[in-house]
Amino acid sequence: MDESAPDAMLVLRATASPTLASDWSLVLASAGIGHRVLEGGGAFSLCVASHDASAASAALAAYDAESASQSAPPLPDLGPSPLGIMFSVALLAMLLVTGPGDARAPTSWFLVGAADSVKILHGQWWRAVTAMTLHQDIGHLVGNMLAALIFVSAVGRWLGAGLGAATIVGCGMIANLLTALWHRHDGPFVSLGASTATFASLGLVAGLQLWRRWRYDERRRYFWLPLGAGLALFAMTGTGANADFAAHLFGLGVGVAAGTAIAATGARAPGFFAQGLLSAVVSAVLVGAWVLAFRASGLAPP
């Protein structure tokens, strides 16, 4: 670096950052514009010949526009959502109707609605839905209710109650279908519980944040942090001795994929009417799945 600028040169820019000064120098070098970077007084000065000042300013302005971080839109937040509470209340109500799976004589709800991998793969797809409304015991239920109050509520804040419920149920169903496919060589594999849906909720929150960080955060190397947090929670809560590892992992994975896709499209929560319609559709799907379950079995609800 030179100690002083020649008389015919102008100081175009100055910065205390050697990295930024180097970037400016590379921009002008790539444009074929002669220049010098001078150090002095704790700053780095970019100097160009007076007749090159206009072209150099234009090149640097283009670089600034290209490298400027995009302004992130406001974080989608509809405020406190009732979805987590509604989800938990619905699970509790179902347990009161069906009883626990560990009862001495489980009700027929478990016979026709549990996620039996063999029966699912032989066409009884509705079990991938009905199984999410059944629980083995009170502890199983309480764990999912607590998870719902956190993660399902978070999805509701972002997507609204109707769209959030539809997305969660859809992800949970897909995860249960994938779980049945995963166990296709293991013989009959039966699972139940809303944990597939609650892990899908966790994945949705992680996926929504994952894309947002990648798209708008200047520190892109940290974009994976929401996914890392989701995997850490999965490791702490989804891999216990009696946990359905595959169902939990598929729930998380499908949720991450769905959340990332929703965020990438820039989709926002629909209005009140659409949310109500989606809520009605979700209710119809759940009721319809149970109707199919009992019809296929030839049994009547107890």
C-alpha atoms as a PDB file:
ATOM      1  CA  MET A   1       0.000   0.000   0.000  1.00  0.00           C
ATOM      2  CA  ASP A   2       1.196   3.507  -0.833  1.00  0.00           C
ATOM      3  CA  GLU A   3       1.724   6.105   1.814  1.00  0.00           C
ATOM      4  CA  SER A   4      -0.016   8.960  -0.004  1.00  0.00           C
ATOM      5  CA  ALA A   5      -2.342   9.427  -2.934  1.00  0.00           C
ATOM      6  CA  PRO A   6      -1.016  11.001  -6.101  1.00  0.00           C
ATOM      7  CA  ASP A   7      -2.365  14.477  -6.819  1.00  0.00           C
ATOM      8  CA  ALA A   8      -4.360  13.189  -9.790  1.00  0.00           C
ATOM      9  CA  MET A   9      -6.271  10.704  -7.606  1.00  0.00           C
ATOM     10  CA  LEU A  10      -9.359  11.220  -5.490  1.00  0.00           C
ATOM     11  CA  VAL A  11     -10.359   9.464  -2.292  1.00  0.00           C
ATOM     12  CA  LEU A  12     -13.604   7.792  -3.314  1.00  0.00           C
ATOM     13  CA  ARG A  13     -14.363   5.862  -0.110  1.00  0.00           C
ATOM     14  CA  ALA A  14     -12.822   5.168   3.268  1.00  0.00           C
ATOM     15  CA  THR A  15     -13.416   2.477   5.880  1.00  0.00           C
ATOM     16  CA  ALA A  16     -11.860   1.086   9.024  1.00  0.00           C
ATOM     17  CA  SER A  17     -12.483  -2.452   7.774  1.00  0.00           C
ATOM     18  CA  PRO A  18      -9.651  -4.025   5.778  1.00  0.00           C
ATOM     19  CA  THR A  19     -12.075  -6.683   4.537  1.00  0.00           C
ATOM     20  CA  LEU A  20     -14.475  -4.127   3.099  1.00  0.00           C
ATOM     21  CA  ALA A  21     -11.596  -2.173   1.555  1.00  0.00           C
ATOM     22  CA  SER A  22     -10.383  -5.380  -0.063  1.00  0.00           C
ATOM     23  CA  ASP A  23     -13.875  -6.062  -1.420  1.00  0.00           C
ATOM     24  CA  TRP A  24     -14.021  -2.603  -2.975  1.00  0.00           C
ATOM     25  CA  SER A  25     -10.633  -3.144  -4.521  1.00  0.00           C
ATOM     26  CA  LEU A  26     -11.726  -6.433  -6.051  1.00  0.00           C
ATOM     27  CA  VAL A  27     -14.846  -4.791  -7.510  1.00  0.00           C
ATOM     28  CA  LEU A  28     -12.817  -2.097  -9.239  1.00  0.00           C
ATOM     29  CA  ALA A  29     -10.164  -4.563 -10.366  1.00  0.00           C
ATOM     30  CA  SER A  30     -12.822  -6.765 -11.955  1.00  0.00           C
ATOM     31  CA  ALA A  31     -14.192  -3.685 -13.756  1.00  0.00           C
ATOM     32  CA  GLY A  32     -10.721  -2.821 -15.033  1.00  0.00           C
ATOM     33  CA  ILE A  33     -10.593   0.473 -13.150  1.00  0.00           C
ATOM     34  CA  GLY A  34      -7.205   1.570 -11.834  1.00  0.00           C
ATOM     35  CA  HIS A  35      -7.145   2.369  -8.133  1.00  0.00           C
ATOM     36  CA  ARG A  36      -5.141   2.267  -4.942  1.00  0.00           C
ATOM     37  CA  VAL A  37      -5.967   1.422  -1.343  1.00  0.00           C
ATOM     38  CA  LEU A  38      -4.094   3.641   1.085  1.00  0.00           C
ATOM     39  CA  GLU A  39      -3.810   3.116   4.821  1.00  0.00           C
ATOM     40  CA  GLY A  40      -3.505   5.969   7.247  1.00  0.00           C
ATOM     41  CA  GLY A  41      -5.113   7.433  10.324  1.00  0.00           C
ATOM     42  CA  GLY A  42      -6.733   4.122  11.220  1.00  0.00           C
ATOM     43  CA  ALA A  43      -8.636   3.952   7.944  1.00  0.00           C
ATOM     44  CA  PHE A  44      -8.293   2.452   4.487  1.00  0.00           C
ATOM     45  CA  SER A  45      -8.920   4.910   1.646  1.00  0.00           C
ATOM     46  CA  LEU A  46      -9.921   3.833  -1.856  1.00  0.00           C
ATOM     47  CA  CYS A  47      -8.386   6.217  -4.382  1.00  0.00           C
ATOM     48  CA  VAL A  48      -9.083   6.463  -8.108  1.00  0.00           C
ATOM     49  CA  ALA A  49      -8.029   8.814 -10.879  1.00  0.00           C
ATOM     50  CA  SER A  50     -10.391  11.754 -11.261  1.00  0.00           C
ATOM     51  CA  HIS A  51     -11.434  10.700 -14.751  1.00  0.00           C
ATOM     52  CA  ASP A  52     -12.380   7.214 -13.410  1.00  0.00           C
ATOM     53  CA  ALA A  53     -14.376   8.497 -10.450  1.00  0.00           C
ATOM     54  CA  SER A  54     -17.759   8.263 -12.171  1.00  0.00           C
ATOM     55  CA  ALA A  55     -17.256   4.716 -13.460  1.00  0.00           C
ATOM     56  CA  ALA A  56     -15.811   3.584 -10.119  1.00  0.00           C
ATOM     57  CA  SER A  57     -18.768   5.051  -8.196  1.00  0.00           C
ATOM     58  CA  ALA A  58     -21.206   3.269 -10.492  1.00  0.00           C
ATOM     59  CA  ALA A  59     -19.393  -0.065 -10.083  1.00  0.00           C
ATOM     60  CA  LEU A  60     -19.361   0.239  -6.308  1.00  0.00           C
ATOM     61  CA  ALA A  61     -23.006   1.322  -6.200  1.00  0.00           C
ATOM     62  CA  ALA A  62     -23.944  -1.802  -8.177  1.00  0.00           C
ATOM     63  CA  TYR A  63     -21.932  -3.912  -5.750  1.00  0.00           C
ATOM     64  CA  ASP A  64     -23.693  -2.283  -2.783  1.00  0.00           C
ATOM     65  CA  ALA A  65     -27.109  -2.974  -4.282  1.00  0.00           C
ATOM     66  CA  GLU A  66     -26.243  -6.602  -5.011  1.00  0.00           C
ATOM     67  CA  SER A  67     -24.732  -7.368  -1.620  1.00  0.00           C
ATOM     68  CA  ALA A  68     -27.179  -5.423   0.550  1.00  0.00           C
ATOM     69  CA  SER A  69     -29.148  -7.720   2.844  1.00  0.00           C
ATOM     70  CA  GLN A  70     -32.818  -7.905   2.036  1.00  0.00           C
ATOM     71  CA  SER A  71     -35.188  -6.408   4.518  1.00  0.00           C
ATOM     72  CA  ALA A  72     -37.027  -9.165   6.322  1.00  0.00           C
ATOM     73  CA  PRO A  73     -40.802  -8.793   6.370  1.00  0.00           C
ATOM     74  CA  PRO A  74     -42.446  -8.730   9.773  1.00  0.00           C
ATOM     75  CA  LEU A  75     -42.500 -12.092  11.477  1.00  0.00           C
ATOM     76  CA  PRO A  76     -45.936 -13.645  10.875  1.00  0.00           C
ATOM     77  CA  ASP A  77     -47.664 -13.627  14.240  1.00  0.00           C
ATOM     78  CA  LEU A  78     -51.413 -13.648  14.682  1.00  0.00           C
ATOM     79  CA  GLY A  79     -51.082 -13.362  18.433  1.00  0.00           C
ATOM     80  CA  PRO A  80     -52.113 -15.951  21.047  1.00  0.00           C
ATOM     81  CA  SER A  81     -53.705 -18.940  19.353  1.00  0.00           C
ATOM     82  CA  PRO A  82     -56.374 -21.217  20.820  1.00  0.00           C
ATOM     83  CA  LEU A  83     -55.201 -24.104  18.639  1.00  0.00           C
ATOM     84  CA  GLY A  84     -52.985 -25.742  21.262  1.00  0.00           C
ATOM     85  CA  ILE A  85     -55.751 -25.636  23.873  1.00  0.00           C
ATOM     86  CA  MET A  86     -58.347 -26.901  21.379  1.00  0.00           C
ATOM     87  CA  PHE A  87     -56.031 -29.728  20.371  1.00  0.00           C
ATOM     88  CA  SER A  88     -55.431 -30.723  23.986  1.00  0.00           C
ATOM     89  CA  VAL A  89     -59.113 -30.573  24.911  1.00  0.00           C
ATOM     90  CA  ALA A  90     -60.003 -32.727  21.902  1.00  0.00           C
ATOM     91  CA  LEU A  91     -57.433 -35.359  22.922  1.00  0.00           C
ATOM     92  CA  LEU A  92     -58.748 -35.386  26.494  1.00  0.00           C
ATOM     93  CA  ALA A  93     -62.325 -35.721  25.261  1.00  0.00           C
ATOM     94  CA  MET A  94     -61.359 -38.665  23.060  1.00  0.00           C
ATOM     95  CA  LEU A  95     -59.698 -40.436  25.981  1.00  0.00           C
ATOM     96  CA  LEU A  96     -62.897 -40.024  28.002  1.00  0.00           C
ATOM     97  CA  VAL A  97     -64.814 -41.615  25.119  1.00  0.00           C
ATOM     98  CA  THR A  98     -62.395 -44.391  24.128  1.00  0.00           C
ATOM     99  CA  GLY A  99     -60.760 -45.133  27.462  1.00  0.00           C
ATOM    100  CA  PRO A 100     -57.011 -45.886  27.686  1.00  0.00           C
ATOM    101  CA  GLY A 101     -55.310 -48.495  25.571  1.00  0.00           C
ATOM    102  CA  ASP A 102     -53.803 -50.192  28.612  1.00  0.00           C
ATOM    103  CA  ALA A 103     -57.214 -51.006  30.108  1.00  0.00           C
ATOM    104  CA  ARG A 104     -57.798 -54.639  31.011  1.00  0.00           C
ATOM    105  CA  ALA A 105     -60.308 -54.819  28.158  1.00  0.00           C
ATOM    106  CA  PRO A 106     -59.586 -52.011  25.645  1.00  0.00           C
ATOM    107  CA  THR A 107     -62.638 -50.741  23.797  1.00  0.00           C
ATOM    108  CA  SER A 108     -63.256 -51.452  20.122  1.00  0.00           C
ATOM    109  CA  TRP A 109     -61.949 -47.979  19.292  1.00  0.00           C
ATOM    110  CA  PHE A 110     -58.433 -49.384  19.601  1.00  0.00           C
ATOM    111  CA  LEU A 111     -59.218 -52.479  17.562  1.00  0.00           C
ATOM    112  CA  VAL A 112     -60.491 -50.484  14.583  1.00  0.00           C
ATOM    113  CA  GLY A 113     -58.466 -47.275  14.910  1.00  0.00           C
ATOM    114  CA  ALA A 114     -54.894 -48.058  15.972  1.00  0.00           C
ATOM    115  CA  ALA A 115     -52.163 -47.613  13.343  1.00  0.00           C
ATOM    116  CA  ASP A 116     -51.664 -51.253  12.365  1.00  0.00           C
ATOM    117  CA  SER A 117     -48.923 -51.167   9.708  1.00  0.00           C
ATOM    118  CA  VAL A 118     -50.148 -54.260   7.856  1.00  0.00           C
ATOM    119  CA  LYS A 119     -53.736 -53.056   7.664  1.00  0.00           C
ATOM    120  CA  ILE A 120     -52.679 -49.564   6.624  1.00  0.00           C
ATOM    121  CA  LEU A 121     -50.594 -50.956   3.766  1.00  0.00           C
ATOM    122  CA  HIS A 122     -53.563 -53.101   2.728  1.00  0.00           C
ATOM    123  CA  GLY A 123     -55.781 -50.091   2.210  1.00  0.00           C
ATOM    124  CA  GLN A 124     -56.992 -48.975   5.635  1.00  0.00           C
ATOM    125  CA  TRP A 125     -55.326 -45.561   5.287  1.00  0.00           C
ATOM    126  CA  TRP A 126     -57.778 -43.957   7.733  1.00  0.00           C
ATOM    127  CA  ARG A 127     -55.900 -45.608  10.600  1.00  0.00           C
ATOM    128  CA  ALA A 128     -53.105 -43.089   9.976  1.00  0.00           C
ATOM    129  CA  VAL A 129     -55.630 -40.457  11.104  1.00  0.00           C
ATOM    130  CA  THR A 130     -57.629 -42.242  13.793  1.00  0.00           C
ATOM    131  CA  ALA A 131     -54.503 -43.454  15.613  1.00  0.00           C
ATOM    132  CA  MET A 132     -53.588 -39.845  16.431  1.00  0.00           C
ATOM    133  CA  THR A 133     -56.689 -39.558  18.622  1.00  0.00           C
ATOM    134  CA  LEU A 134     -55.967 -42.647  20.770  1.00  0.00           C
ATOM    135  CA  HIS A 135     -53.681 -42.908  23.802  1.00  0.00           C
ATOM    136  CA  GLN A 136     -52.227 -45.739  25.801  1.00  0.00           C
ATOM    137  CA  ASP A 137     -52.620 -44.173  29.238  1.00  0.00           C
ATOM    138  CA  ILE A 138     -52.938 -40.883  31.120  1.00  0.00           C
ATOM    139  CA  GLY A 139     -49.192 -40.257  31.093  1.00  0.00           C
ATOM    140  CA  HIS A 140     -49.114 -40.710  27.332  1.00  0.00           C
ATOM    141  CA  LEU A 141     -51.976 -38.240  26.963  1.00  0.00           C
ATOM    142  CA  VAL A 142     -50.526 -35.625  29.321  1.00  0.00           C
ATOM    143  CA  GLY A 143     -47.189 -35.638  27.501  1.00  0.00           C
ATOM    144  CA  ASN A 144     -48.888 -34.929  24.190  1.00  0.00           C
ATOM    145  CA  MET A 145     -51.156 -32.298  25.710  1.00  0.00           C
ATOM    146  CA  LEU A 146     -48.159 -30.417  27.100  1.00  0.00           C
ATOM    147  CA  ALA A 147     -46.370 -30.633  23.750  1.00  0.00           C
ATOM    148  CA  ALA A 148     -49.510 -29.382  22.003  1.00  0.00           C
ATOM    149  CA  LEU A 149     -49.772 -26.365  24.286  1.00  0.00           C
ATOM    150  CA  ILE A 150     -46.284 -25.341  23.171  1.00  0.00           C
ATOM    151  CA  PHE A 151     -45.767 -26.444  19.567  1.00  0.00           C
ATOM    152  CA  VAL A 152     -49.323 -26.629  18.235  1.00  0.00           C
ATOM    153  CA  SER A 153     -49.980 -23.200  19.713  1.00  0.00           C
ATOM    154  CA  ALA A 154     -46.855 -21.884  17.959  1.00  0.00           C
ATOM    155  CA  VAL A 155     -48.105 -23.206  14.612  1.00  0.00           C
ATOM    156  CA  GLY A 156     -51.456 -21.534  15.289  1.00  0.00           C
ATOM    157  CA  ARG A 157     -49.748 -18.182  15.889  1.00  0.00           C
ATOM    158  CA  TRP A 158     -48.119 -18.421  12.460  1.00  0.00           C
ATOM    159  CA  LEU A 159     -50.783 -20.110  10.303  1.00  0.00           C
ATOM    160  CA  GLY A 160     -54.004 -19.598  12.236  1.00  0.00           C
ATOM    161  CA  ALA A 161     -56.213 -22.221  13.835  1.00  0.00           C
ATOM    162  CA  GLY A 162     -57.775 -23.634  10.662  1.00  0.00           C
ATOM    163  CA  LEU A 163     -54.734 -23.788   8.404  1.00  0.00           C
ATOM    164  CA  GLY A 164     -52.556 -24.824  11.332  1.00  0.00           C
ATOM    165  CA  ALA A 165     -54.857 -27.712  12.245  1.00  0.00           C
ATOM    166  CA  ALA A 166     -55.118 -28.857   8.620  1.00  0.00           C
ATOM    167  CA  THR A 167     -51.351 -28.773   8.181  1.00  0.00           C
ATOM    168  CA  ILE A 168     -50.662 -30.608  11.442  1.00  0.00           C
ATOM    169  CA  VAL A 169     -53.213 -33.349  10.790  1.00  0.00           C
ATOM    170  CA  GLY A 170     -51.995 -33.723   7.215  1.00  0.00           C
ATOM    171  CA  CYS A 171     -48.357 -33.991   8.305  1.00  0.00           C
ATOM    172  CA  GLY A 172     -49.258 -36.440  11.068  1.00  0.00           C
ATOM    173  CA  MET A 173     -51.161 -38.625   8.630  1.00  0.00           C
ATOM    174  CA  ILE A 174     -48.286 -38.673   6.136  1.00  0.00           C
ATOM    175  CA  ALA A 175     -45.848 -39.484   8.946  1.00  0.00           C
ATOM    176  CA  ASN A 176     -47.994 -42.431  10.084  1.00  0.00           C
ATOM    177  CA  LEU A 177     -48.209 -43.736   6.515  1.00  0.00           C
ATOM    178  CA  LEU A 178     -44.420 -43.510   6.215  1.00  0.00           C
ATOM    179  CA  THR A 179     -44.058 -45.293   9.548  1.00  0.00           C
ATOM    180  CA  ALA A 180     -46.245 -48.153   8.304  1.00  0.00           C
ATOM    181  CA  LEU A 181     -44.101 -48.354   5.182  1.00  0.00           C
ATOM    182  CA  TRP A 182     -40.957 -48.347   7.323  1.00  0.00           C
ATOM    183  CA  HIS A 183     -42.218 -51.377   9.284  1.00  0.00           C
ATOM    184  CA  ARG A 184     -43.495 -53.259   6.236  1.00  0.00           C
ATOM    185  CA  HIS A 185     -40.939 -56.055   6.708  1.00  0.00           C
ATOM    186  CA  ASP A 186     -41.387 -56.292  10.478  1.00  0.00           C
ATOM    187  CA  GLY A 187     -44.768 -57.970  10.529  1.00  0.00           C
ATOM    188  CA  PRO A 188     -47.723 -56.313  12.293  1.00  0.00           C
ATOM    189  CA  PHE A 189     -46.645 -53.116  14.016  1.00  0.00           C
ATOM    190  CA  VAL A 190     -49.266 -51.204  15.986  1.00  0.00           C
ATOM    191  CA  SER A 191     -48.872 -47.657  17.248  1.00  0.00           C
ATOM    192  CA  LEU A 192     -51.140 -44.925  18.516  1.00  0.00           C
ATOM    193  CA  GLY A 193     -51.027 -41.472  20.026  1.00  0.00           C
ATOM    194  CA  ALA A 194     -50.869 -37.825  18.971  1.00  0.00           C
ATOM    195  CA  SER A 195     -47.085 -37.637  19.313  1.00  0.00           C
ATOM    196  CA  THR A 196     -46.711 -37.970  15.531  1.00  0.00           C
ATOM    197  CA  ALA A 197     -48.774 -34.801  15.188  1.00  0.00           C
ATOM    198  CA  THR A 198     -46.986 -32.960  17.996  1.00  0.00           C
ATOM    199  CA  PHE A 199     -43.590 -33.758  16.482  1.00  0.00           C
ATOM    200  CA  ALA A 200     -44.953 -32.607  13.138  1.00  0.00           C
ATOM    201  CA  SER A 201     -45.845 -29.333  14.888  1.00  0.00           C
ATOM    202  CA  LEU A 202     -42.299 -29.046  16.198  1.00  0.00           C
ATOM    203  CA  GLY A 203     -41.014 -29.692  12.682  1.00  0.00           C
ATOM    204  CA  LEU A 204     -43.352 -27.080  11.208  1.00  0.00           C
ATOM    205  CA  VAL A 205     -42.059 -24.422  13.585  1.00  0.00           C
ATOM    206  CA  ALA A 206     -38.461 -25.393  12.783  1.00  0.00           C
ATOM    207  CA  GLY A 207     -39.113 -25.421   9.021  1.00  0.00           C
ATOM    208  CA  LEU A 208     -40.834 -22.045   9.039  1.00  0.00           C
ATOM    209  CA  GLN A 209     -37.886 -20.499  10.894  1.00  0.00           C
ATOM    210  CA  LEU A 210     -35.312 -22.419   8.838  1.00  0.00           C
ATOM    211  CA  TRP A 211     -36.346 -20.812   5.581  1.00  0.00           C
ATOM    212  CA  ARG A 212     -36.737 -17.388   7.156  1.00  0.00           C
ATOM    213  CA  ARG A 213     -33.181 -17.472   8.482  1.00  0.00           C
ATOM    214  CA  TRP A 214     -31.816 -18.699   5.155  1.00  0.00           C
ATOM    215  CA  ARG A 215     -33.720 -16.066   3.188  1.00  0.00           C
ATOM    216  CA  TYR A 216     -33.273 -12.996   5.331  1.00  0.00           C
ATOM    217  CA  ASP A 217     -30.580 -13.499   7.965  1.00  0.00           C
ATOM    218  CA  GLU A 218     -27.191 -12.011   7.097  1.00  0.00           C
ATOM    219  CA  ARG A 219     -25.523 -14.783   9.098  1.00  0.00           C
ATOM    220  CA  ARG A 220     -26.639 -17.602   6.831  1.00  0.00           C
ATOM    221  CA  ARG A 221     -24.160 -20.035   8.294  1.00  0.00           C
ATOM    222  CA  TYR A 222     -26.461 -20.172  11.322  1.00  0.00           C
ATOM    223  CA  PHE A 223     -29.639 -20.852   9.323  1.00  0.00           C
ATOM    224  CA  TRP A 224     -29.687 -24.459  10.581  1.00  0.00           C
ATOM    225  CA  LEU A 225     -30.172 -23.455  14.238  1.00  0.00           C
ATOM    226  CA  PRO A 226     -33.979 -23.992  14.266  1.00  0.00           C
ATOM    227  CA  LEU A 227     -33.492 -27.470  12.828  1.00  0.00           C
ATOM    228  CA  GLY A 228     -30.765 -28.166  15.374  1.00  0.00           C
ATOM    229  CA  ALA A 229     -33.101 -27.089  18.167  1.00  0.00           C
ATOM    230  CA  GLY A 230     -35.833 -29.358  16.787  1.00  0.00           C
ATOM    231  CA  LEU A 231     -33.473 -32.326  16.618  1.00  0.00           C
ATOM    232  CA  ALA A 232     -32.279 -31.632  20.158  1.00  0.00           C
ATOM    233  CA  LEU A 233     -35.861 -31.676  21.450  1.00  0.00           C
ATOM    234  CA  PHE A 234     -36.482 -34.837  19.460  1.00  0.00           C
ATOM    235  CA  ALA A 235     -33.450 -36.461  21.083  1.00  0.00           C
ATOM    236  CA  MET A 236     -34.668 -35.466  24.545  1.00  0.00           C
ATOM    237  CA  THR A 237     -38.332 -36.384  24.207  1.00  0.00           C
ATOM    238  CA  GLY A 238     -38.787 -38.660  21.219  1.00  0.00           C
ATOM    239  CA  THR A 239     -36.314 -41.467  21.766  1.00  0.00           C
ATOM    240  CA  GLY A 240     -37.328 -42.957  25.096  1.00  0.00           C
ATOM    241  CA  ALA A 241     -37.509 -46.663  25.838  1.00  0.00           C
ATOM    242  CA  ASN A 242     -41.166 -46.968  24.826  1.00  0.00           C
ATOM    243  CA  ALA A 243     -41.180 -44.221  22.215  1.00  0.00           C
ATOM    244  CA  ASP A 244     -42.110 -44.915  18.603  1.00  0.00           C
ATOM    245  CA  PHE A 245     -38.815 -43.644  17.204  1.00  0.00           C
ATOM    246  CA  ALA A 246     -39.760 -43.931  13.530  1.00  0.00           C
ATOM    247  CA  ALA A 247     -43.136 -42.210  13.924  1.00  0.00           C
ATOM    248  CA  HIS A 248     -41.595 -39.341  15.875  1.00  0.00           C
ATOM    249  CA  LEU A 249     -38.765 -38.903  13.386  1.00  0.00           C
ATOM    250  CA  PHE A 250     -41.100 -39.022  10.401  1.00  0.00           C
ATOM    251  CA  GLY A 251     -43.401 -36.537  12.110  1.00  0.00           C
ATOM    252  CA  LEU A 252     -40.514 -34.152  12.669  1.00  0.00           C
ATOM    253  CA  GLY A 253     -39.172 -34.608   9.141  1.00  0.00           C
ATOM    254  CA  VAL A 254     -42.517 -34.159   7.388  1.00  0.00           C
ATOM    255  CA  GLY A 255     -43.186 -31.098   9.533  1.00  0.00           C
ATOM    256  CA  VAL A 256     -39.833 -29.532   8.640  1.00  0.00           C
ATOM    257  CA  ALA A 257     -40.461 -30.144   4.931  1.00  0.00           C
ATOM    258  CA  ALA A 258     -43.966 -28.680   5.105  1.00  0.00           C
ATOM    259  CA  GLY A 259     -42.880 -25.673   7.175  1.00  0.00           C
ATOM    260  CA  THR A 260     -40.014 -24.910   4.809  1.00  0.00           C
ATOM    261  CA  ALA A 261     -42.309 -25.191   1.784  1.00  0.00           C
ATOM    262  CA  ILE A 262     -44.933 -22.897   3.321  1.00  0.00           C
ATOM    263  CA  ALA A 263     -42.332 -20.280   4.246  1.00  0.00           C
ATOM    264  CA  ALA A 264     -40.678 -20.511   0.811  1.00  0.00           C
ATOM    265  CA  THR A 265     -43.955 -19.719  -0.949  1.00  0.00           C
ATOM    266  CA  GLY A 266     -44.501 -16.720   1.290  1.00  0.00           C
ATOM    267  CA  ALA A 267     -47.933 -18.028   2.244  1.00  0.00           C
ATOM    268  CA  ARG A 268     -49.725 -16.151   4.980  1.00  0.00           C
ATOM    269  CA  ALA A 269     -52.607 -17.144   7.206  1.00  0.00           C
ATOM    270  CA  PRO A 270     -55.957 -16.811   5.419  1.00  0.00           C
ATOM    271  CA  GLY A 271     -58.826 -14.771   6.746  1.00  0.00           C
ATOM    272  CA  PHE A 272     -61.439 -15.649   9.317  1.00  0.00           C
ATOM    273  CA  PHE A 273     -63.865 -17.318   6.896  1.00  0.00           C
ATOM    274  CA  ALA A 274     -61.168 -19.534   5.334  1.00  0.00           C
ATOM    275  CA  GLN A 275     -59.853 -20.464   8.776  1.00  0.00           C
ATOM    276  CA  GLY A 276     -63.342 -21.527   9.841  1.00  0.00           C
ATOM    277  CA  LEU A 277     -63.822 -23.535   6.662  1.00  0.00           C
ATOM    278  CA  LEU A 278     -60.495 -25.322   7.142  1.00  0.00           C
ATOM    279  CA  SER A 279     -61.402 -26.097  10.758  1.00  0.00           C
ATOM    280  CA  ALA A 280     -64.644 -27.654   9.535  1.00  0.00           C
ATOM    281  CA  VAL A 281     -62.753 -29.699   6.935  1.00  0.00           C
ATOM    282  CA  VAL A 282     -60.351 -31.023   9.574  1.00  0.00           C
ATOM    283  CA  SER A 283     -63.257 -31.996  11.818  1.00  0.00           C
ATOM    284  CA  ALA A 284     -64.950 -33.734   8.888  1.00  0.00           C
ATOM    285  CA  VAL A 285     -61.775 -35.659   8.067  1.00  0.00           C
ATOM    286  CA  LEU A 286     -61.414 -36.874  11.653  1.00  0.00           C
ATOM    287  CA  VAL A 287     -65.063 -37.897  11.946  1.00  0.00           C
ATOM    288  CA  GLY A 288     -65.023 -39.433   8.481  1.00  0.00           C
ATOM    289  CA  ALA A 289     -61.912 -41.474   9.285  1.00  0.00           C
ATOM    290  CA  TRP A 290     -63.654 -42.954  12.327  1.00  0.00           C
ATOM    291  CA  VAL A 291     -66.798 -43.697  10.328  1.00  0.00           C
ATOM    292  CA  LEU A 292     -64.698 -45.566   7.779  1.00  0.00           C
ATOM    293  CA  ALA A 293     -62.888 -47.404  10.571  1.00  0.00           C
ATOM    294  CA  PHE A 294     -66.075 -48.792  12.107  1.00  0.00           C
ATOM    295  CA  ARG A 295     -67.706 -49.509   8.766  1.00  0.00           C
ATOM    296  CA  ALA A 296     -64.695 -51.498   7.563  1.00  0.00           C
ATOM    297  CA  SER A 297     -64.659 -53.519  10.765  1.00  0.00           C
ATOM    298  CA  GLY A 298     -68.374 -54.204  10.777  1.00  0.00           C
ATOM    299  CA  LEU A 299     -68.519 -53.075  14.403  1.00  0.00           C
ATOM    300  CA  ALA A 300     -70.524 -50.314  15.997  1.00  0.00           C
ATOM    301  CA  PRO A 301     -68.980 -47.708  18.311  1.00  0.00           C
ATOM    302  CA  PRO A 302     -69.381 -48.821  21.963  1.00  0.00           C
END
